[in-house]
Amino acid sequence: MLIIDRISENTVVIEDGDTRFEVSRSELAPDVREGDAVLFENGVYRKDTDATEKRRQEIIRLQDSLWE
């Protein structure tokens, strides 16, 4: 799963498991934010809405389990 780690003015850092790589910000769809899961389609990294939501729900579940 590709995850957006950081977005700067000109570059984007993407994580793929233990690997990180940089791409130009111009390769990123405008609605993508840090922490989103993305898919690479037609030369553009687009938000994977389903994977992003599942990931966020899992993070919330893990955070909530810390307080139980």
C-alpha atoms as a PDB file:
ATOM      1  CA  MET A   1       0.000   0.000   0.000  1.00  0.00           C
ATOM      2  CA  LEU A   2       1.328   3.413  -0.942  1.00  0.00           C
ATOM      3  CA  ILE A   3       0.917   6.064   1.777  1.00  0.00           C
ATOM      4  CA  ILE A   4       1.635   9.791   1.497  1.00  0.00           C
ATOM      5  CA  ASP A   5       4.176  10.579   4.214  1.00  0.00           C
ATOM      6  CA  ARG A   6       4.931  14.250   3.502  1.00  0.00           C
ATOM      7  CA  ILE A   7       4.004  16.897   0.979  1.00  0.00           C
ATOM      8  CA  SER A   8       6.273  19.870   0.451  1.00  0.00           C
ATOM      9  CA  GLU A   9       6.213  22.690  -2.049  1.00  0.00           C
ATOM     10  CA  ASN A  10       7.718  20.668  -4.910  1.00  0.00           C
ATOM     11  CA  THR A  11       8.022  17.067  -3.736  1.00  0.00           C
ATOM     12  CA  VAL A  12       5.996  14.304  -2.150  1.00  0.00           C
ATOM     13  CA  VAL A  13       7.419  11.492  -0.003  1.00  0.00           C
ATOM     14  CA  ILE A  14       5.576   8.202  -0.440  1.00  0.00           C
ATOM     15  CA  GLU A  15       5.992   5.109   1.748  1.00  0.00           C
ATOM     16  CA  ASP A  16       5.627   1.596   0.421  1.00  0.00           C
ATOM     17  CA  GLY A  17       6.160  -0.620   3.447  1.00  0.00           C
ATOM     18  CA  ASP A  18       9.779  -0.085   4.524  1.00  0.00           C
ATOM     19  CA  THR A  19      10.666   1.865   1.372  1.00  0.00           C
ATOM     20  CA  ARG A  20      10.331   5.620   0.878  1.00  0.00           C
ATOM     21  CA  PHE A  21      10.647   7.498  -2.374  1.00  0.00           C
ATOM     22  CA  GLU A  22      10.072  11.012  -3.650  1.00  0.00           C
ATOM     23  CA  VAL A  23       8.011  12.167  -6.602  1.00  0.00           C
ATOM     24  CA  SER A  24       7.204  15.556  -8.019  1.00  0.00           C
ATOM     25  CA  ARG A  25       4.161  17.255  -6.517  1.00  0.00           C
ATOM     26  CA  SER A  26       2.851  17.629 -10.075  1.00  0.00           C
ATOM     27  CA  GLU A  27       2.295  13.835 -10.081  1.00  0.00           C
ATOM     28  CA  LEU A  28      -0.148  14.116  -7.160  1.00  0.00           C
ATOM     29  CA  ALA A  29      -3.910  14.581  -7.598  1.00  0.00           C
ATOM     30  CA  PRO A  30      -5.096  17.832  -5.975  1.00  0.00           C
ATOM     31  CA  ASP A  31      -7.311  16.145  -3.346  1.00  0.00           C
ATOM     32  CA  VAL A  32      -4.556  13.957  -1.849  1.00  0.00           C
ATOM     33  CA  ARG A  33      -3.398  14.773   1.696  1.00  0.00           C
ATOM     34  CA  GLU A  34      -0.679  13.498   4.035  1.00  0.00           C
ATOM     35  CA  GLY A  35      -1.652  10.105   5.432  1.00  0.00           C
ATOM     36  CA  ASP A  36      -3.790   9.135   2.443  1.00  0.00           C
ATOM     37  CA  ALA A  37      -3.411   5.813   0.668  1.00  0.00           C
ATOM     38  CA  VAL A  38      -2.848   6.325  -3.054  1.00  0.00           C
ATOM     39  CA  LEU A  39      -2.881   4.416  -6.323  1.00  0.00           C
ATOM     40  CA  PHE A  40      -0.669   5.230  -9.296  1.00  0.00           C
ATOM     41  CA  GLU A  41      -2.913   5.540 -12.365  1.00  0.00           C
ATOM     42  CA  ASN A  42      -2.150   7.159 -15.729  1.00  0.00           C
ATOM     43  CA  GLY A  43       0.957   8.895 -14.381  1.00  0.00           C
ATOM     44  CA  VAL A  44      -0.824  10.405 -11.359  1.00  0.00           C
ATOM     45  CA  TYR A  45      -1.009   9.363  -7.703  1.00  0.00           C
ATOM     46  CA  ARG A  46      -4.728   9.355  -6.880  1.00  0.00           C
ATOM     47  CA  LYS A  47      -6.407   8.927  -3.503  1.00  0.00           C
ATOM     48  CA  ASP A  48      -7.572   5.380  -2.758  1.00  0.00           C
ATOM     49  CA  THR A  49     -10.669   6.423  -0.817  1.00  0.00           C
ATOM     50  CA  ASP A  50     -11.572   2.949   0.466  1.00  0.00           C
ATOM     51  CA  ALA A  51      -8.050   2.109   1.647  1.00  0.00           C
ATOM     52  CA  THR A  52      -7.641   5.551   3.236  1.00  0.00           C
ATOM     53  CA  GLU A  53     -10.879   5.196   5.200  1.00  0.00           C
ATOM     54  CA  LYS A  54     -10.038   1.650   6.342  1.00  0.00           C
ATOM     55  CA  ARG A  55      -6.603   2.845   7.455  1.00  0.00           C
ATOM     56  CA  ARG A  56      -8.058   5.775   9.402  1.00  0.00           C
ATOM     57  CA  GLN A  57     -10.623   3.546  11.114  1.00  0.00           C
ATOM     58  CA  GLU A  58      -7.864   1.098  12.119  1.00  0.00           C
ATOM     59  CA  ILE A  59      -5.789   3.945  13.564  1.00  0.00           C
ATOM     60  CA  ILE A  60      -8.796   5.188  15.561  1.00  0.00           C
ATOM     61  CA  ARG A  61      -9.453   1.660  16.818  1.00  0.00           C
ATOM     62  CA  LEU A  62      -5.834   1.312  17.929  1.00  0.00           C
ATOM     63  CA  GLN A  63      -5.905   4.710  19.665  1.00  0.00           C
ATOM     64  CA  ASP A  64      -9.140   3.855  21.440  1.00  0.00           C
ATOM     65  CA  SER A  65      -7.689   0.541  22.650  1.00  0.00           C
ATOM     66  CA  LEU A  66      -4.965   2.461  24.483  1.00  0.00           C
ATOM     67  CA  TRP A  67      -7.591   3.998  26.780  1.00  0.00           C
ATOM     68  CA  GLU A  68      -9.505   0.805  27.606  1.00  0.00           C
END
